[in-house]
Amino acid sequence: MTPARLATPLIVSLSVALAIRLFVAVAFPNYYAPDEIFQYIEQAHRLVFGQGYVPWEFQVGLRSWLIPLLLAGPMALAHWLSPAPAAGLMLIRILLCLASLPIVFCATKWGKRFHGSTGAWIAGLVTALWPDLWLMAPHPLEEALSTDILIPAIYLVEASRGQKNLMHVAWAGFLLGLTFALREQLAPAVAVAGIFLCGRNGKRWLLAIPLAALPVLCAGLLDWYSWGEMFRSFWMNIYLNIILGISNHYFDSAPPSYYALNLLYDWLWSALFIAWFAWLGARKLPVAGLAAVVTIAVHCCIAHKELRFIFPAMALLVPLAGVGVAGICANRTKLQKNLLTAALLSGPFMSPLLYMRLPWQDSASRLYTELAATHPCVVSIQTWDRGFLPILPVFDAPTRFTGDETSQADAIIAAVNTTSIPPGFTRQSCAAESWIPFKQRKPDVCYWTRPVSSCPAGKITPFVLVYPPAAKAFIIRDRLTD
């Protein structure tokens, strides 16, 4: 295929992917997981606005400051242009949508490489349209960010096989190291890609290892600057969550069948098609296929499971399936091509999980954003659960948060008829939890406000979420925000 003929499916696939992602980012200001709010956005908010919620992970040095620092740049730029934190949050979402496009680019190029124009169109559009990919794109989670790096890295690994050009080796090595720095749980997939990249070629190892070590070393130095110890976030994560078992005891554990059952729920009948087509694609792209399998296998052995943990594998399986179905479609009619592609795509678009995730935390986001526009001094949060989390980064610097205490609060968020609201408060707005698909709910969470002349400087009981007792022995001074 000539470059001009490739340009059409590539441009169309990237345009479709970007349009869907931007629409979702703007129309559904939702949140995918609690970590997105408390571990990343809120910590970037602390760097820019000087105050914010501090989760236990950032009190013991379990998390790296790498992702919050990446988010703080666009947040600070937006804050310079507009005092409202919402502008920075939206800019982050838009930039993350752009950062996810290399996945579609790689899929289109893979399709073209093996099946010409048909492959470029099918692999590119399947990847652009796949719901899991555009749902995750606007969210600053380490699973999403590491995937945005891992897929191009594996693309370069596949491209470098049998080639003498060491430029691909250099870039692939650096990107694999950056993938590990963003999410250490991807170490097995990174190792698989690294072995395929270098093989028995000593010159490749000598080039790739130092470049892979560079971003890892930078992450270690960032830990030293912020926590006072090199690589503290790397080993503390393993020690507290795996050896002491904090994640199992406080954040649930699941059997090894968890991911298989959830993928069936997520993809419905398309799970069978994607397994078959991805296997066909993996025969042509063995590095991508093996990296996906290893990622799922490793996470099946970890007790605490969430579907987003294997998102890098899902983002590999979709392009592989696109390449696989393109191979079957090579000598078929246009109607047969459309039917096969529809069979692959229809499952995730019919899944209840899609319609649960799309508005996930959306009502909470809108209620908290409305309250934040009133610039309250002290907000008492009387209710929260996984369906209605506190969206604290939408507030500016003067606002403080407390839990059960209402005596000093000038705003209260509570479930209807579950909390005694003190005299002087007026109910302003209500919202319904958004986590149950296809079910209408009455507004059941509201906020109340009362007039206040100025923000008091007195102490309040800080708002807290889960704080595992086993972690308290490891509290450490945060030198980055002091």
Protein backbone atom coordinates (compact mmCIF):
# COMPACT_ATOMS: atom_id res chain seq x y z
CA MET A 1 0.00 0.00 0.00
CA THR A 2 1.29 3.45 -0.86
CA PRO A 3 1.59 6.11 1.87
CA ALA A 4 -1.28 8.01 0.29
CA ARG A 5 -3.59 4.99 0.47
CA LEU A 6 -2.61 4.34 4.11
CA ALA A 7 -3.27 7.97 5.02
CA THR A 8 -7.01 7.64 4.50
CA PRO A 9 -7.73 4.81 6.99
CA LEU A 10 -5.16 6.22 9.39
CA ILE A 11 -6.62 9.74 9.37
CA VAL A 12 -10.19 8.45 9.58
CA SER A 13 -9.41 6.05 12.44
CA LEU A 14 -7.55 8.69 14.43
CA SER A 15 -10.27 11.27 13.77
CA VAL A 16 -13.05 8.90 14.86
CA ALA A 17 -11.09 7.90 17.95
CA LEU A 18 -10.39 11.50 18.95
CA ALA A 19 -13.98 12.63 18.33
CA ILE A 20 -15.42 9.87 20.53
CA ARG A 21 -12.87 10.44 23.28
CA LEU A 22 -13.35 14.21 23.37
CA PHE A 23 -17.14 13.83 23.42
CA VAL A 24 -16.95 11.43 26.37
CA ALA A 25 -14.41 13.62 28.17
CA VAL A 26 -16.57 16.76 27.86
CA ALA A 27 -20.10 15.33 28.07
CA PHE A 28 -19.40 12.88 30.90
CA PRO A 29 -17.10 14.48 33.50
CA ASN A 30 -16.99 11.20 35.37
CA TYR A 31 -14.39 9.24 37.30
CA TYR A 32 -13.37 5.65 36.64
CA ALA A 33 -11.94 4.70 40.05
CA PRO A 34 -11.32 6.29 43.47
CA ASP A 35 -7.55 6.24 42.85
CA GLU A 36 -8.04 8.67 39.98
CA ILE A 37 -9.45 11.25 42.38
CA PHE A 38 -7.52 10.76 45.60
CA GLN A 39 -4.16 9.38 44.45
CA TYR A 40 -3.51 11.48 41.36
CA ILE A 41 -5.78 14.45 40.64
CA GLU A 42 -6.06 15.52 44.28
CA GLN A 43 -2.29 15.32 44.77
CA ALA A 44 -1.70 17.45 41.67
CA HIS A 45 -4.33 19.81 43.12
CA ARG A 46 -2.24 19.99 46.32
CA LEU A 47 0.82 21.02 44.33
CA VAL A 48 -1.04 23.77 42.47
CA PHE A 49 -3.51 25.06 45.08
CA GLY A 50 -1.49 24.38 48.23
CA GLN A 51 -4.06 22.25 50.04
CA GLY A 52 -6.03 19.07 49.55
CA TYR A 53 -6.80 15.62 50.83
CA VAL A 54 -3.81 13.42 51.74
CA PRO A 55 -4.55 9.67 51.45
CA TRP A 56 -2.62 7.18 53.53
CA GLU A 57 -0.52 6.12 50.52
CA PHE A 58 0.95 9.63 50.38
CA GLN A 59 1.59 9.59 54.11
CA VAL A 60 3.73 6.46 54.01
CA GLY A 61 5.48 7.02 50.68
CA LEU A 62 3.76 4.14 48.86
CA ARG A 63 2.95 6.23 45.77
CA SER A 64 5.32 7.95 43.41
CA TRP A 65 4.82 11.64 42.72
CA LEU A 66 5.46 10.99 39.01
CA ILE A 67 1.83 11.02 37.81
CA PRO A 68 0.71 13.94 40.04
CA LEU A 69 3.64 15.96 38.73
CA LEU A 70 2.61 15.19 35.15
CA LEU A 71 -0.92 16.36 35.93
CA ALA A 72 0.19 19.44 37.84
CA GLY A 73 1.64 21.06 34.71
CA PRO A 74 -1.62 21.45 32.74
CA MET A 75 -3.51 22.10 35.98
CA ALA A 76 -1.19 25.01 36.81
CA LEU A 77 -1.46 26.37 33.26
CA ALA A 78 -5.26 26.31 33.42
CA HIS A 79 -5.19 27.89 36.89
CA TRP A 80 -3.08 30.73 35.51
CA LEU A 81 -5.77 31.34 32.89
CA SER A 82 -8.81 30.66 35.11
CA PRO A 83 -9.12 30.47 38.91
CA ALA A 84 -11.67 27.62 38.72
CA PRO A 85 -10.07 24.15 39.24
CA ALA A 86 -12.60 22.67 36.78
CA ALA A 87 -10.69 24.23 33.87
CA GLY A 88 -7.54 22.33 34.81
CA LEU A 89 -9.45 19.08 35.20
CA MET A 90 -10.93 19.43 31.73
CA LEU A 91 -7.55 20.29 30.18
CA ILE A 92 -6.08 17.14 31.73
CA ARG A 93 -8.88 15.02 30.27
CA ILE A 94 -8.39 16.49 26.79
CA LEU A 95 -4.63 15.94 26.86
CA LEU A 96 -5.12 12.36 28.02
CA CYS A 97 -7.45 11.75 25.08
CA LEU A 98 -4.65 12.87 22.76
CA ALA A 99 -2.16 10.66 24.61
CA SER A 100 -4.32 7.58 23.95
CA LEU A 101 -4.26 7.96 20.15
CA PRO A 102 -0.97 6.04 19.61
CA ILE A 103 -2.92 2.86 20.41
CA VAL A 104 -5.13 3.48 17.37
CA PHE A 105 -2.12 4.50 15.27
CA CYS A 106 -0.30 1.24 16.07
CA ALA A 107 -3.41 -0.85 15.39
CA THR A 108 -3.90 0.77 11.97
CA LYS A 109 -0.25 0.26 11.04
CA TRP A 110 -0.38 -3.37 12.16
CA GLY A 111 -3.49 -3.97 10.08
CA LYS A 112 -1.87 -2.38 7.03
CA ARG A 113 1.35 -4.33 7.50
CA PHE A 114 -0.31 -7.74 7.30
CA HIS A 115 -3.54 -7.19 5.36
CA GLY A 116 -3.14 -4.00 3.34
CA SER A 117 -5.99 -1.53 3.01
CA THR A 118 -8.61 -3.90 4.44
CA GLY A 119 -6.45 -4.54 7.50
CA ALA A 120 -5.78 -0.84 8.07
CA TRP A 121 -9.48 0.01 7.95
CA ILE A 122 -10.68 -2.87 10.13
CA ALA A 123 -7.92 -2.86 12.78
CA GLY A 124 -7.94 0.95 12.96
CA LEU A 125 -11.70 1.41 13.28
CA VAL A 126 -12.20 -1.53 15.67
CA THR A 127 -9.59 -0.02 17.99
CA ALA A 128 -10.99 3.50 17.58
CA LEU A 129 -14.54 2.37 18.39
CA TRP A 130 -13.85 -0.16 21.15
CA PRO A 131 -15.66 1.12 24.30
CA ASP A 132 -13.07 0.05 26.89
CA LEU A 133 -10.43 2.13 25.16
CA TRP A 134 -12.39 5.37 24.84
CA LEU A 135 -13.89 4.99 28.30
CA MET A 136 -10.46 4.78 29.92
CA ALA A 137 -8.77 7.39 27.71
CA PRO A 138 -9.64 10.60 29.67
CA HIS A 139 -8.71 9.15 33.07
CA PRO A 140 -5.31 9.80 34.72
CA LEU A 141 -4.80 6.29 36.07
CA GLU A 142 -1.46 4.52 35.96
CA GLU A 143 -3.08 1.65 34.03
CA ALA A 144 -4.13 4.04 31.26
CA LEU A 145 -0.90 6.04 31.16
CA SER A 146 1.31 2.95 31.14
CA THR A 147 -0.80 1.47 28.33
CA ASP A 148 -0.35 4.62 26.25
CA ILE A 149 3.40 3.94 26.48
CA LEU A 150 3.43 0.13 26.35
CA ILE A 151 1.57 -0.26 23.04
CA PRO A 152 3.99 1.98 21.05
CA ALA A 153 6.89 0.20 22.77
CA ILE A 154 5.63 -3.20 21.62
CA TYR A 155 4.95 -1.75 18.17
CA LEU A 156 8.64 -0.80 17.98
CA VAL A 157 9.69 -4.21 19.30
CA GLU A 158 7.66 -5.93 16.59
CA ALA A 159 9.04 -3.55 13.95
CA SER A 160 12.65 -4.12 15.05
CA ARG A 161 12.56 -7.91 14.70
CA GLY A 162 14.86 -8.92 11.88
CA GLN A 163 15.92 -5.32 11.28
CA LYS A 164 19.40 -3.87 11.67
CA ASN A 165 18.22 -0.33 12.43
CA LEU A 166 18.99 0.27 16.12
CA MET A 167 16.82 3.38 16.37
CA HIS A 168 13.75 1.23 17.08
CA VAL A 169 15.72 -0.64 19.73
CA ALA A 170 16.71 2.59 21.46
CA TRP A 171 13.21 4.03 21.57
CA ALA A 172 11.62 0.71 22.51
CA GLY A 173 14.03 0.30 25.41
CA PHE A 174 13.29 3.77 26.73
CA LEU A 175 9.51 3.31 26.44
CA LEU A 176 9.62 -0.08 28.15
CA GLY A 177 11.53 1.45 31.04
CA LEU A 178 9.00 4.28 31.26
CA THR A 179 6.16 1.73 31.26
CA PHE A 180 7.72 -0.01 34.25
CA ALA A 181 8.28 3.31 36.04
CA LEU A 182 4.58 4.15 35.64
CA ARG A 183 3.29 0.71 36.69
CA GLU A 184 5.69 -1.82 38.17
CA GLN A 185 3.07 -4.60 37.94
CA LEU A 186 3.77 -4.64 34.19
CA ALA A 187 7.33 -5.86 34.79
CA PRO A 188 6.62 -9.36 33.32
CA ALA A 189 5.17 -7.87 30.12
CA VAL A 190 8.10 -5.45 29.91
CA ALA A 191 10.52 -8.36 30.38
CA VAL A 192 8.85 -10.38 27.61
CA ALA A 193 9.05 -7.42 25.22
CA GLY A 194 12.67 -6.77 26.21
CA ILE A 195 13.70 -10.36 25.51
CA PHE A 196 12.08 -10.28 22.08
CA LEU A 197 13.66 -6.87 21.45
CA CYS A 198 17.23 -7.91 22.16
CA GLY A 199 17.32 -11.70 21.82
CA ARG A 200 20.89 -12.93 21.59
CA ASN A 201 22.21 -9.67 20.20
CA GLY A 202 24.65 -8.22 22.75
CA LYS A 203 24.79 -4.85 21.01
CA ARG A 204 21.02 -4.48 21.43
CA TRP A 205 21.20 -5.31 25.15
CA LEU A 206 23.99 -2.76 25.65
CA LEU A 207 21.85 -0.11 23.97
CA ALA A 208 18.42 -0.98 25.38
CA ILE A 209 19.25 -1.56 29.06
CA PRO A 210 20.75 1.89 29.81
CA LEU A 211 17.91 3.61 27.99
CA ALA A 212 15.31 1.51 29.84
CA ALA A 213 17.05 2.26 33.12
CA LEU A 214 16.95 6.03 32.53
CA PRO A 215 13.23 6.65 33.32
CA VAL A 216 13.37 4.10 36.14
CA LEU A 217 16.32 5.92 37.66
CA CYS A 218 14.49 9.24 37.32
CA ALA A 219 11.51 7.74 39.17
CA GLY A 220 13.88 6.52 41.88
CA LEU A 221 15.46 9.96 42.20
CA LEU A 222 11.98 11.50 42.45
CA ASP A 223 11.26 9.12 45.35
CA TRP A 224 14.53 10.23 46.95
CA TYR A 225 13.60 13.90 46.55
CA SER A 226 10.02 13.48 47.81
CA TRP A 227 10.33 10.61 50.34
CA GLY A 228 14.03 10.71 51.21
CA GLU A 229 14.67 7.16 49.93
CA MET A 230 15.48 5.87 46.45
CA PHE A 231 12.68 3.73 44.99
CA ARG A 232 10.62 3.89 48.20
CA SER A 233 7.29 3.80 46.31
CA PHE A 234 8.42 0.65 44.45
CA TRP A 235 9.33 -1.53 47.42
CA MET A 236 6.75 -0.04 49.80
CA ASN A 237 3.96 -0.96 47.41
CA ILE A 238 5.14 -4.59 47.34
CA TYR A 239 5.79 -4.78 51.08
CA LEU A 240 2.52 -3.28 52.33
CA ASN A 241 0.13 -4.65 49.73
CA ILE A 242 1.59 -8.10 49.02
CA ILE A 243 3.62 -9.08 52.09
CA LEU A 244 1.44 -7.41 54.75
CA GLY A 245 -1.69 -7.92 52.64
CA ILE A 246 -3.25 -4.50 53.16
CA SER A 247 -4.93 -4.48 49.75
CA ASN A 248 -6.49 -7.90 50.39
CA HIS A 249 -7.87 -7.04 53.82
CA TYR A 250 -9.13 -3.52 53.17
CA PHE A 251 -9.87 -3.46 49.44
CA ASP A 252 -11.26 -6.96 48.87
CA SER A 253 -9.81 -10.03 47.21
CA ALA A 254 -11.19 -12.11 44.35
CA PRO A 255 -10.63 -15.63 42.93
CA PRO A 256 -8.47 -16.26 39.84
CA SER A 257 -11.64 -16.56 37.73
CA TYR A 258 -12.45 -12.87 38.36
CA TYR A 259 -10.97 -11.51 35.15
CA ALA A 260 -12.42 -14.19 32.86
CA LEU A 261 -15.91 -13.68 34.29
CA ASN A 262 -15.67 -9.89 34.13
CA LEU A 263 -14.43 -9.95 30.55
CA LEU A 264 -17.44 -12.09 29.66
CA TYR A 265 -19.68 -9.54 31.37
CA ASP A 266 -17.86 -6.67 29.66
CA TRP A 267 -17.78 -8.16 26.15
CA LEU A 268 -20.71 -10.65 26.26
CA TRP A 269 -20.68 -12.88 23.14
CA SER A 270 -17.90 -10.79 21.61
CA ALA A 271 -15.53 -12.35 24.15
CA LEU A 272 -15.55 -15.54 22.05
CA PHE A 273 -14.88 -13.60 18.86
CA ILE A 274 -12.08 -11.54 20.38
CA ALA A 275 -10.42 -14.67 21.80
CA TRP A 276 -10.45 -16.31 18.37
CA PHE A 277 -9.48 -13.22 16.37
CA ALA A 278 -6.82 -12.14 18.89
CA TRP A 279 -5.25 -15.60 18.68
CA LEU A 280 -5.09 -15.23 14.89
CA GLY A 281 -3.56 -11.77 15.30
CA ALA A 282 -1.05 -13.03 17.88
CA ARG A 283 0.30 -15.53 15.36
CA LYS A 284 1.51 -12.53 13.37
CA LEU A 285 2.32 -10.33 16.40
CA PRO A 286 3.67 -12.76 19.01
CA VAL A 287 5.18 -10.11 21.29
CA ALA A 288 1.85 -8.33 21.68
CA GLY A 289 -0.01 -11.59 22.20
CA LEU A 290 2.41 -12.96 24.78
CA ALA A 291 2.54 -9.64 26.66
CA ALA A 292 -1.27 -9.64 26.92
CA VAL A 293 -1.40 -13.23 28.19
CA VAL A 294 1.40 -12.67 30.71
CA THR A 295 -0.27 -9.52 32.04
CA ILE A 296 -3.57 -11.31 32.65
CA ALA A 297 -1.86 -14.38 34.15
CA VAL A 298 0.20 -12.32 36.59
CA HIS A 299 -2.78 -10.30 37.78
CA CYS A 300 -4.81 -13.50 38.27
CA CYS A 301 -2.24 -14.43 40.93
CA ILE A 302 -2.71 -11.14 42.83
CA ALA A 303 -5.55 -11.35 45.35
CA HIS A 304 -6.87 -7.79 44.99
CA LYS A 305 -8.40 -7.51 41.53
CA GLU A 306 -10.09 -4.79 39.50
CA LEU A 307 -10.82 -5.00 35.78
CA ARG A 308 -8.79 -1.84 35.12
CA PHE A 309 -5.64 -3.63 36.34
CA ILE A 310 -5.55 -5.68 33.11
CA PHE A 311 -6.41 -2.73 30.87
CA PRO A 312 -2.96 -2.93 29.18
CA ALA A 313 -3.80 -6.51 28.14
CA MET A 314 -7.24 -5.46 26.90
CA ALA A 315 -5.66 -2.66 24.86
CA LEU A 316 -3.37 -5.26 23.24
CA LEU A 317 -6.11 -7.81 22.59
CA VAL A 318 -8.30 -5.34 20.68
CA PRO A 319 -5.73 -4.46 17.96
CA LEU A 320 -4.76 -8.14 17.77
CA ALA A 321 -8.41 -9.02 17.20
CA GLY A 322 -8.60 -6.29 14.54
CA VAL A 323 -5.64 -7.84 12.72
CA GLY A 324 -7.18 -11.30 13.10
CA VAL A 325 -10.58 -10.38 11.71
CA ALA A 326 -8.90 -8.46 8.87
CA GLY A 327 -7.15 -11.67 7.86
CA ILE A 328 -10.44 -13.54 7.70
CA CYS A 329 -12.06 -10.69 5.76
CA ALA A 330 -9.33 -10.50 3.13
CA ASN A 331 -11.20 -12.55 0.53
CA ARG A 332 -14.78 -11.93 1.61
CA THR A 333 -17.56 -9.67 0.35
CA LYS A 334 -18.22 -6.25 1.84
CA LEU A 335 -21.34 -7.58 3.59
CA GLN A 336 -19.39 -10.42 5.18
CA LYS A 337 -16.69 -7.98 6.33
CA ASN A 338 -19.29 -5.74 7.94
CA LEU A 339 -21.03 -8.68 9.66
CA LEU A 340 -17.78 -10.03 11.12
CA THR A 341 -16.74 -6.58 12.36
CA ALA A 342 -20.22 -6.02 13.84
CA ALA A 343 -20.06 -9.37 15.62
CA LEU A 344 -16.78 -8.29 17.18
CA LEU A 345 -18.01 -4.84 18.24
CA SER A 346 -21.61 -5.55 19.21
CA GLY A 347 -20.96 -7.28 22.52
CA PRO A 348 -19.25 -4.42 24.40
CA PHE A 349 -21.80 -1.92 23.07
CA MET A 350 -24.63 -4.08 24.45
CA SER A 351 -22.98 -4.77 27.80
CA PRO A 352 -24.62 -3.29 30.94
CA LEU A 353 -21.10 -2.56 32.16
CA LEU A 354 -20.72 0.15 29.51
CA TYR A 355 -23.85 1.94 30.66
CA MET A 356 -22.72 1.71 34.26
CA ARG A 357 -19.27 3.13 33.58
CA LEU A 358 -20.27 5.95 31.25
CA PRO A 359 -22.14 7.98 33.92
CA TRP A 360 -20.04 6.58 36.79
CA GLN A 361 -19.64 9.34 39.44
CA ASP A 362 -21.18 11.81 36.99
CA SER A 363 -23.95 12.91 39.36
CA ALA A 364 -21.44 13.22 42.21
CA SER A 365 -19.19 15.31 39.97
CA ARG A 366 -21.99 17.67 39.03
CA LEU A 367 -23.26 18.08 42.60
CA TYR A 368 -19.80 18.76 44.03
CA THR A 369 -19.00 21.15 41.16
CA GLU A 370 -22.22 23.07 41.85
CA LEU A 371 -21.35 23.32 45.55
CA ALA A 372 -17.76 24.34 44.77
CA ALA A 373 -19.06 27.33 42.78
CA THR A 374 -20.42 28.77 46.07
CA HIS A 375 -16.87 28.75 47.56
CA PRO A 376 -17.73 27.19 50.94
CA CYS A 377 -15.28 27.41 53.82
CA VAL A 378 -15.85 24.01 55.49
CA VAL A 379 -17.73 21.12 53.88
CA SER A 380 -18.98 18.31 56.08
CA ILE A 381 -19.19 15.07 54.09
CA GLN A 382 -21.73 12.84 55.81
CA THR A 383 -22.07 10.18 53.12
CA TRP A 384 -19.98 8.54 50.43
CA ASP A 385 -19.70 5.17 48.78
CA ARG A 386 -18.33 3.71 45.53
CA GLY A 387 -21.36 5.05 43.69
CA PHE A 388 -21.05 8.60 45.01
CA LEU A 389 -17.48 9.52 45.91
CA PRO A 390 -16.35 12.92 47.23
CA ILE A 391 -15.05 14.93 44.26
CA LEU A 392 -12.71 17.22 46.20
CA PRO A 393 -10.40 18.54 43.40
CA VAL A 394 -13.18 20.81 42.06
CA PHE A 395 -12.82 23.10 45.12
CA ASP A 396 -10.34 25.93 45.33
CA ALA A 397 -7.81 26.59 48.07
CA PRO A 398 -9.93 28.08 50.94
CA THR A 399 -12.23 25.05 51.23
CA ARG A 400 -11.56 22.49 53.94
CA PHE A 401 -13.29 19.15 54.52
CA THR A 402 -14.46 17.29 57.60
CA GLY A 403 -16.33 14.08 58.25
CA ASP A 404 -18.98 13.77 60.95
CA GLU A 405 -18.40 17.25 62.39
CA THR A 406 -21.05 19.81 61.37
CA SER A 407 -20.66 22.53 64.02
CA GLN A 408 -18.08 24.52 62.02
CA ALA A 409 -19.33 23.58 58.55
CA ASP A 410 -21.14 25.98 56.26
CA ALA A 411 -22.04 23.19 53.81
CA ILE A 412 -23.17 19.62 54.39
CA ILE A 413 -23.41 16.75 51.90
CA ALA A 414 -25.59 13.89 53.12
CA ALA A 415 -28.03 11.23 52.04
CA VAL A 416 -31.69 12.20 52.38
CA ASN A 417 -33.28 11.28 55.74
CA THR A 418 -30.06 9.78 57.15
CA THR A 419 -28.49 12.82 58.82
CA SER A 420 -29.87 15.38 61.24
CA ILE A 421 -29.24 18.74 59.60
CA PRO A 422 -28.64 21.53 62.16
CA PRO A 423 -30.86 24.64 62.18
CA GLY A 424 -29.90 27.42 59.79
CA PHE A 425 -29.05 25.19 56.83
CA THR A 426 -31.05 25.30 53.59
CA ARG A 427 -31.22 22.42 51.15
CA GLN A 428 -29.95 23.54 47.75
CA SER A 429 -29.67 20.65 45.28
CA CYS A 430 -29.91 16.86 45.13
CA ALA A 431 -28.62 14.08 42.91
CA ALA A 432 -29.06 10.34 42.51
CA GLU A 433 -26.35 7.73 42.71
CA SER A 434 -25.30 6.80 39.21
CA TRP A 435 -23.95 3.29 39.45
CA ILE A 436 -27.06 1.21 38.67
CA PRO A 437 -27.63 0.88 34.89
CA PHE A 438 -31.11 0.99 33.37
CA LYS A 439 -32.72 1.91 36.71
CA GLN A 440 -34.25 5.27 37.53
CA ARG A 441 -33.44 6.52 41.03
CA LYS A 442 -34.90 9.38 42.99
CA PRO A 443 -32.45 12.06 44.13
CA ASP A 444 -31.06 10.63 47.34
CA VAL A 445 -27.92 12.74 48.08
CA CYS A 446 -28.22 16.49 48.71
CA TYR A 447 -26.20 19.41 49.94
CA TRP A 448 -27.25 22.06 52.46
CA THR A 449 -25.62 25.47 53.01
CA ARG A 450 -25.88 28.31 55.52
CA PRO A 451 -24.69 31.92 55.29
CA VAL A 452 -21.19 32.66 56.53
CA SER A 453 -19.51 36.07 56.69
CA SER A 454 -15.90 34.89 56.50
CA CYS A 455 -13.96 31.64 56.62
CA PRO A 456 -12.96 30.78 60.22
CA ALA A 457 -9.33 29.89 60.88
CA GLY A 458 -10.06 27.33 63.60
CA LYS A 459 -9.09 23.68 63.48
CA ILE A 460 -11.50 21.07 62.17
CA THR A 461 -11.48 17.29 62.28
CA PRO A 462 -10.05 16.32 58.87
CA PHE A 463 -12.02 14.18 56.47
CA VAL A 464 -10.57 10.65 56.24
CA LEU A 465 -11.19 7.57 54.12
CA VAL A 466 -9.77 4.11 54.78
CA TYR A 467 -6.55 4.17 56.80
CA PRO A 468 -5.17 0.65 57.41
CA PRO A 469 -3.63 0.44 60.90
CA ALA A 470 -0.70 -1.58 59.55
CA ALA A 471 0.36 1.41 57.45
CA LYS A 472 0.59 3.91 60.32
CA ALA A 473 4.01 2.66 61.38
CA PHE A 474 5.45 3.84 58.07
CA ILE A 475 4.32 7.49 58.11
CA ILE A 476 7.07 9.60 56.56
CA ARG A 477 7.65 13.27 55.90
CA ASP A 478 6.64 14.38 52.41
CA ARG A 479 9.46 16.64 51.34
CA LEU A 480 7.84 17.60 48.03
CA THR A 481 4.86 19.43 49.54
CA ASP A 482 6.43 20.69 52.78
